[in-house]
């Protein structure tokens, strides 16, 4: 009977692991996965480091401490209750034990701090940026500007439920305009707020930076994959806090260059004839102004004004 229960338990465990592996294999990129309990897929070096710190450092330590404390509590409840131990011990101090439970937690925290500070330094020590973007939080939407490309602020507002369904994009995560960046480039993001404190958060890139009015915070990311990535304001900024998503579209460098040309209108001259003239060819002298032209242009408005005055009725009191 016990062997049958053990076999059934092992079978259930294997089925659970199978479903877990399947869920891991079907994780959505750049957005939350339904029923998932782990972190989003990493799409930048910073998020890879954050996932390693969480899964390989924090979780084993937390799990070990939790199991250790649970075992101690179980021993105390079973062996030192009133029925099993009617005469309690008289001592109240144990120097060796007190030193141990002071130094061991300190050692654990020092071990964690090594990886924690390394991750913090990685966020702080930004590589040389290839692109700079200013992200401004408003009540309740985002504005993105590209100072290097001379692109004025582009507002990004959440799509309505009908528009999101029509475009087959996640509702309350998709926006009408994306923050467009090239793949494989270091993007510096200057984050600020216009009215209240917002927060620029993008889980797939490991970003979470406050947008504070009157102050500019700095963060960075380097997208490893093309695609659409979704985030949200993660600061309680007001009544519509849940309705100001962040949508980052990662494209190839040629696609980004074409997008910049589209937004700026390109560098093509307005006159196609001027574009065909070589740079070394001197420009033709300008034609002399015709003397009669200013006179005609000056007299025409006067004549029109006289006609207007003549045609205007006089009000009688």
Protein backbone atom coordinates (compact mmCIF):
# COMPACT_ATOMS: atom_id res chain seq x y z
CA UNK A 1 0.00 0.00 0.00
CA UNK A 2 2.81 2.39 0.93
CA UNK A 3 4.70 1.55 -2.27
CA UNK A 4 1.54 2.22 -4.28
CA UNK A 5 1.11 5.63 -2.65
CA UNK A 6 4.78 6.40 -3.20
CA UNK A 7 4.50 5.47 -6.88
CA UNK A 8 1.38 7.60 -7.25
CA UNK A 9 3.15 10.52 -5.59
CA UNK A 10 6.17 10.19 -7.88
CA UNK A 11 3.90 10.02 -10.91
CA UNK A 12 2.09 13.16 -9.82
CA UNK A 13 5.40 14.92 -9.30
CA UNK A 14 6.62 13.96 -12.76
CA UNK A 15 3.35 15.19 -14.31
CA UNK A 16 3.71 18.48 -12.44
CA UNK A 17 7.29 18.86 -13.63
CA UNK A 18 6.13 18.14 -17.17
CA UNK A 19 3.51 20.88 -17.00
CA UNK A 20 6.08 23.24 -15.50
CA UNK A 21 8.55 22.53 -18.31
CA UNK A 22 5.79 23.07 -20.85
CA UNK A 23 4.88 26.38 -19.23
CA UNK A 24 8.51 27.44 -19.30
CA UNK A 25 8.75 26.55 -22.98
CA UNK A 26 5.64 28.59 -23.82
CA UNK A 27 6.62 31.77 -21.99
CA UNK A 28 5.57 34.89 -23.82
CA UNK A 29 8.31 37.31 -24.79
CA UNK A 30 7.98 40.86 -23.59
CA UNK A 31 4.72 40.44 -21.69
CA UNK A 32 3.28 38.47 -18.74
CA UNK A 33 2.55 34.77 -19.22
CA UNK A 34 -0.78 33.53 -17.80
CA UNK A 35 -0.39 31.28 -14.71
CA UNK A 36 3.40 31.76 -14.64
CA UNK A 37 5.08 32.12 -11.24
CA UNK A 38 8.58 33.00 -12.34
CA UNK A 39 10.19 36.11 -13.79
CA UNK A 40 9.63 37.19 -17.37
CA UNK A 41 12.03 36.07 -20.07
CA UNK A 42 15.19 38.15 -20.20
CA UNK A 43 15.82 40.26 -23.29
CA UNK A 44 18.76 42.33 -22.05
CA UNK A 45 22.04 41.70 -20.16
CA UNK A 46 20.75 43.46 -17.04
CA UNK A 47 17.73 41.18 -16.81
CA UNK A 48 19.92 38.09 -17.25
CA UNK A 49 22.00 39.24 -14.27
CA UNK A 50 18.87 39.98 -12.23
CA UNK A 51 17.43 36.52 -12.95
CA UNK A 52 20.72 34.86 -11.97
CA UNK A 53 20.79 36.83 -8.72
CA UNK A 54 17.21 35.82 -7.93
CA UNK A 55 17.29 32.16 -9.00
CA UNK A 56 20.86 31.12 -8.17
CA UNK A 57 21.59 33.24 -5.08
CA UNK A 58 18.47 34.40 -3.29
CA UNK A 59 16.10 31.48 -3.81
CA UNK A 60 18.46 28.71 -2.55
CA UNK A 61 19.36 30.76 0.52
CA UNK A 62 15.74 31.65 1.27
CA UNK A 63 14.63 28.05 0.77
CA UNK A 64 17.36 26.69 3.05
CA UNK A 65 16.55 29.21 5.80
CA UNK A 66 12.83 28.48 5.54
CA UNK A 67 13.34 24.72 5.80
CA UNK A 68 15.80 25.12 8.70
CA UNK A 69 13.42 27.34 10.70
CA UNK A 70 10.47 25.03 9.98
CA UNK A 71 12.44 22.01 11.27
CA UNK A 72 13.42 23.90 14.44
CA UNK A 73 9.82 24.90 15.06
CA UNK A 74 8.67 21.31 14.55
CA UNK A 75 11.29 20.04 17.04
CA UNK A 76 10.25 22.65 19.61
CA UNK A 77 6.55 21.83 19.22
CA UNK A 78 7.06 18.05 19.48
CA UNK A 79 9.83 17.72 22.06
CA UNK A 80 9.34 20.73 24.29
CA UNK A 81 5.62 20.99 24.80
CA UNK A 82 4.12 20.76 28.29
CA UNK A 83 3.15 17.10 27.94
CA UNK A 84 6.51 15.83 26.65
CA UNK A 85 8.62 18.12 28.83
CA UNK A 86 6.71 19.02 32.01
CA UNK A 87 9.81 20.42 33.78
CA UNK A 88 11.33 23.25 31.70
CA UNK A 89 15.03 24.04 31.75
CA UNK A 90 16.28 26.77 34.11
CA UNK A 91 19.03 28.31 31.95
CA UNK A 92 18.31 31.45 29.91
CA UNK A 93 21.55 32.13 28.02
CA UNK A 94 23.95 30.19 25.82
CA UNK A 95 26.91 32.28 24.71
CA UNK A 96 28.05 29.98 21.93
CA UNK A 97 24.56 29.72 20.48
CA UNK A 98 24.01 33.49 20.62
CA UNK A 99 27.32 34.16 18.87
CA UNK A 100 26.46 31.59 16.21
CA UNK A 101 23.02 32.98 15.41
CA UNK A 102 24.54 36.46 15.16
CA UNK A 103 27.56 35.67 12.98
CA UNK A 104 25.88 33.20 10.61
CA UNK A 105 23.21 35.71 9.41
CA UNK A 106 25.92 38.36 9.04
CA UNK A 107 27.96 35.98 6.90
CA UNK A 108 24.91 35.18 4.77
CA UNK A 109 24.19 38.87 4.22
CA UNK A 110 27.82 39.56 3.29
CA UNK A 111 27.69 36.73 0.76
CA UNK A 112 24.48 38.14 -0.75
CA UNK A 113 25.93 41.66 -0.83
CA UNK A 114 28.75 40.55 -3.15
CA UNK A 115 26.29 39.70 -5.92
CA UNK A 116 23.88 42.47 -5.00
CA UNK A 117 26.49 45.24 -5.32
CA UNK A 118 27.80 43.70 -8.53
CA UNK A 119 24.30 43.94 -10.01
CA UNK A 120 23.86 47.50 -8.75
CA UNK A 121 27.18 48.53 -10.29
CA UNK A 122 26.08 46.98 -13.60
CA UNK A 123 23.00 49.23 -13.58
CA UNK A 124 25.09 52.25 -12.62
CA UNK A 125 28.08 51.72 -14.93
CA UNK A 126 26.40 52.28 -18.26
CA UNK A 127 28.43 51.50 -21.39
CA UNK A 128 28.90 54.20 -24.01
CA UNK A 129 25.36 54.84 -25.28
CA UNK A 130 24.47 54.53 -28.95
CA UNK A 131 21.12 56.26 -28.51
CA UNK A 132 19.59 58.64 -25.99
CA UNK A 133 15.87 58.87 -25.29
CA UNK A 134 13.98 61.10 -22.89
CA UNK A 135 10.90 59.49 -21.31
CA UNK A 136 8.49 61.83 -19.53
CA UNK A 137 5.59 60.61 -17.43
CA UNK A 138 2.33 62.55 -17.56
CA UNK A 139 -1.09 62.08 -15.99
CA UNK A 140 -1.62 59.52 -17.47
CA UNK A 141 0.50 58.70 -20.51
CA UNK A 142 4.13 58.75 -21.64
CA UNK A 143 6.06 61.07 -23.93
CA UNK A 144 9.24 60.03 -25.76
CA UNK A 145 11.71 62.34 -27.47
CA UNK A 146 14.93 61.60 -29.37
CA UNK A 147 17.35 64.51 -28.91
CA UNK A 148 20.10 62.95 -31.05
CA UNK A 149 17.74 62.43 -33.99
CA UNK A 150 15.96 65.79 -33.50
CA UNK A 151 12.62 64.03 -33.01
CA UNK A 152 10.19 65.99 -30.88
CA UNK A 153 8.14 64.34 -28.18
CA UNK A 154 5.91 61.46 -29.28
CA UNK A 155 2.99 60.79 -26.97
CA UNK A 156 2.09 57.20 -26.16
CA UNK A 157 -1.47 56.58 -24.96
CA UNK A 158 -3.09 53.27 -24.03
CA UNK A 159 -5.28 51.67 -26.69
CA UNK A 160 -8.96 51.21 -25.97
CA UNK A 161 -10.26 47.69 -25.50
CA UNK A 162 -11.89 47.71 -28.95
CA UNK A 163 -8.71 48.91 -30.67
CA UNK A 164 -6.58 46.39 -28.78
CA UNK A 165 -8.85 43.52 -29.84
CA UNK A 166 -8.87 44.75 -33.42
CA UNK A 167 -5.06 44.88 -33.50
CA UNK A 168 -4.74 41.57 -31.58
CA UNK A 169 -2.50 43.11 -28.90
CA UNK A 170 -2.76 42.84 -25.10
CA UNK A 171 -5.30 45.25 -23.66
CA UNK A 172 -3.95 47.71 -21.06
CA UNK A 173 -0.41 46.95 -22.19
CA UNK A 174 -0.52 48.15 -25.81
CA UNK A 175 -0.27 51.82 -26.77
CA UNK A 176 -0.93 53.84 -29.90
CA UNK A 177 2.74 54.82 -30.35
CA UNK A 178 5.79 52.76 -29.46
CA UNK A 179 9.19 53.70 -28.15
CA UNK A 180 11.23 52.50 -31.14
CA UNK A 181 14.86 51.41 -30.59
CA UNK A 182 17.40 49.38 -32.60
CA UNK A 183 18.40 45.90 -31.49
CA UNK A 184 21.86 45.33 -30.04
CA UNK A 185 22.43 49.01 -29.21
CA UNK A 186 23.01 50.60 -25.82
CA UNK A 187 20.01 52.85 -25.17
CA UNK A 188 20.28 55.51 -22.48
CA UNK A 189 16.89 56.53 -21.06
CA UNK A 190 16.54 59.87 -19.28
CA UNK A 191 13.47 59.52 -17.08
CA UNK A 192 11.53 62.42 -15.58
CA UNK A 193 7.99 63.39 -14.61
CA UNK A 194 5.83 66.33 -15.57
CA UNK A 195 3.31 66.45 -12.73
CA UNK A 196 3.58 63.65 -10.13
CA UNK A 197 5.95 60.75 -9.52
CA UNK A 198 5.65 57.99 -12.14
CA UNK A 199 7.89 54.98 -12.77
CA UNK A 200 9.40 53.70 -16.00
CA UNK A 201 9.31 49.90 -15.65
CA UNK A 202 10.03 47.27 -18.32
CA UNK A 203 10.27 43.75 -16.82
CA UNK A 204 11.85 42.06 -19.86
CA UNK A 205 14.75 44.54 -19.75
CA UNK A 206 15.01 44.69 -15.96
CA UNK A 207 14.15 48.40 -15.82
CA UNK A 208 12.44 50.20 -12.94
CA UNK A 209 13.28 53.89 -12.59
CA UNK A 210 11.29 56.65 -10.90
CA UNK A 211 10.09 59.58 -13.02
CA UNK A 212 10.25 62.53 -10.61
CA UNK A 213 9.19 66.08 -11.55
CA UNK A 214 12.14 68.47 -11.55
CA UNK A 215 14.68 65.65 -11.61
CA UNK A 216 16.19 63.48 -14.35
CA UNK A 217 17.06 59.88 -13.53
CA UNK A 218 19.13 57.72 -15.86
CA UNK A 219 18.94 54.06 -16.79
CA UNK A 220 19.95 51.94 -19.77
CA UNK A 221 19.25 48.72 -21.61
CA UNK A 222 20.53 46.76 -24.58
CA UNK A 223 17.82 44.77 -26.32
CA UNK A 224 18.94 41.34 -27.49
CA UNK A 225 15.89 40.44 -29.57
CA UNK A 226 13.54 42.21 -31.93
CA UNK A 227 9.88 42.35 -31.09
CA UNK A 228 7.35 44.19 -28.97
CA UNK A 229 7.94 44.56 -25.24
CA UNK A 230 5.42 45.82 -22.71
CA UNK A 231 5.74 47.49 -19.34
CA UNK A 232 3.73 49.77 -17.09
CA UNK A 233 4.06 52.65 -14.70
CA UNK A 234 4.80 50.97 -11.37
CA UNK A 235 4.29 53.99 -9.11
CA UNK A 236 0.90 54.87 -7.62
CA UNK A 237 0.58 58.11 -9.57
CA UNK A 238 -3.18 58.73 -9.46
CA UNK A 239 -6.61 57.54 -10.48
CA UNK A 240 -5.50 56.33 -13.94
CA UNK A 241 -2.25 54.80 -12.76
CA UNK A 242 -3.15 51.43 -14.28
CA UNK A 243 -3.75 52.93 -17.72
CA UNK A 244 -0.35 54.30 -18.77
CA UNK A 245 1.53 51.36 -20.32
CA UNK A 246 5.02 51.41 -21.80
CA UNK A 247 5.45 49.85 -25.23
CA UNK A 248 8.95 49.40 -26.66
CA UNK A 249 9.37 48.19 -30.23
CA UNK A 250 12.81 46.73 -30.96
CA UNK A 251 13.70 46.71 -34.66
CA UNK A 252 16.77 46.19 -36.82
CA UNK A 253 19.11 49.10 -37.49
CA UNK A 254 17.90 49.63 -41.11
CA UNK A 255 14.29 49.63 -39.89
CA UNK A 256 15.17 52.14 -37.20
CA UNK A 257 16.95 54.40 -39.71
CA UNK A 258 13.90 54.29 -41.98
CA UNK A 259 11.65 55.14 -39.03
CA UNK A 260 13.84 58.13 -38.15
CA UNK A 261 13.67 59.37 -41.76
CA UNK A 262 9.89 59.01 -41.66
CA UNK A 263 9.60 60.99 -38.41
CA UNK A 264 12.03 63.74 -39.41
CA UNK A 265 10.98 64.01 -43.04
CA UNK A 266 14.43 62.95 -44.24
CA UNK A 267 17.25 65.18 -45.47
CA UNK A 268 16.05 65.57 -49.07
CA UNK A 269 16.06 69.17 -50.37
CA UNK A 270 12.75 70.65 -51.36
CA UNK A 271 13.99 71.65 -54.83
CA UNK A 272 14.98 68.61 -56.95
CA UNK A 273 16.82 70.89 -59.41
CA UNK A 274 19.07 72.17 -56.62
CA UNK A 275 19.87 68.59 -55.66
CA UNK A 276 21.11 67.89 -59.22
CA UNK A 277 23.57 70.83 -59.24
CA UNK A 278 27.10 69.78 -58.22
CA UNK A 279 28.48 71.39 -55.10
CA UNK A 280 31.40 72.96 -57.04
CA UNK A 281 29.12 74.73 -59.55
CA UNK A 282 28.54 78.37 -58.52
CA UNK A 283 24.95 79.33 -58.10
CA UNK A 284 23.39 81.62 -60.66
CA UNK A 285 23.04 85.27 -59.60
CA UNK A 286 19.66 86.26 -58.39
CA UNK A 287 17.49 88.24 -60.76
CA UNK A 288 17.17 91.96 -60.09
CA UNK A 289 13.88 92.91 -58.50
CA UNK A 290 11.35 94.62 -60.73
CA UNK A 291 10.63 98.13 -59.57
CA UNK A 292 6.98 97.98 -60.51
CA UNK A 293 6.30 94.95 -58.39
CA UNK A 294 6.43 96.61 -54.95
CA UNK A 295 4.27 99.47 -56.18
CA UNK A 296 1.62 97.13 -57.52
CA UNK A 297 1.69 94.99 -54.42
CA UNK A 298 1.46 98.06 -52.21
CA UNK A 299 -1.41 99.69 -54.08
CA UNK A 300 -3.52 96.55 -54.24
CA UNK A 301 -4.16 96.33 -50.50
CA UNK A 302 -5.03 100.07 -50.39
CA UNK A 303 -7.59 99.62 -53.13
CA UNK A 304 -9.05 96.64 -51.41
CA UNK A 305 -9.20 98.53 -48.16
CA UNK A 306 -11.06 101.40 -49.80
CA UNK A 307 -13.58 99.00 -51.30
CA UNK A 308 -14.06 97.37 -47.94
CA UNK A 309 -14.66 100.69 -46.26
CA UNK A 310 -17.09 101.75 -48.96
CA UNK A 311 -18.98 98.51 -48.75
CA UNK A 312 -19.15 98.46 -44.97
CA UNK A 313 -22.54 99.71 -43.70
CA UNK A 314 -22.58 102.52 -41.17
CA UNK A 315 -24.24 101.68 -37.91
CA UNK A 316 -26.96 104.11 -36.86
CA UNK A 317 -27.59 104.76 -33.20
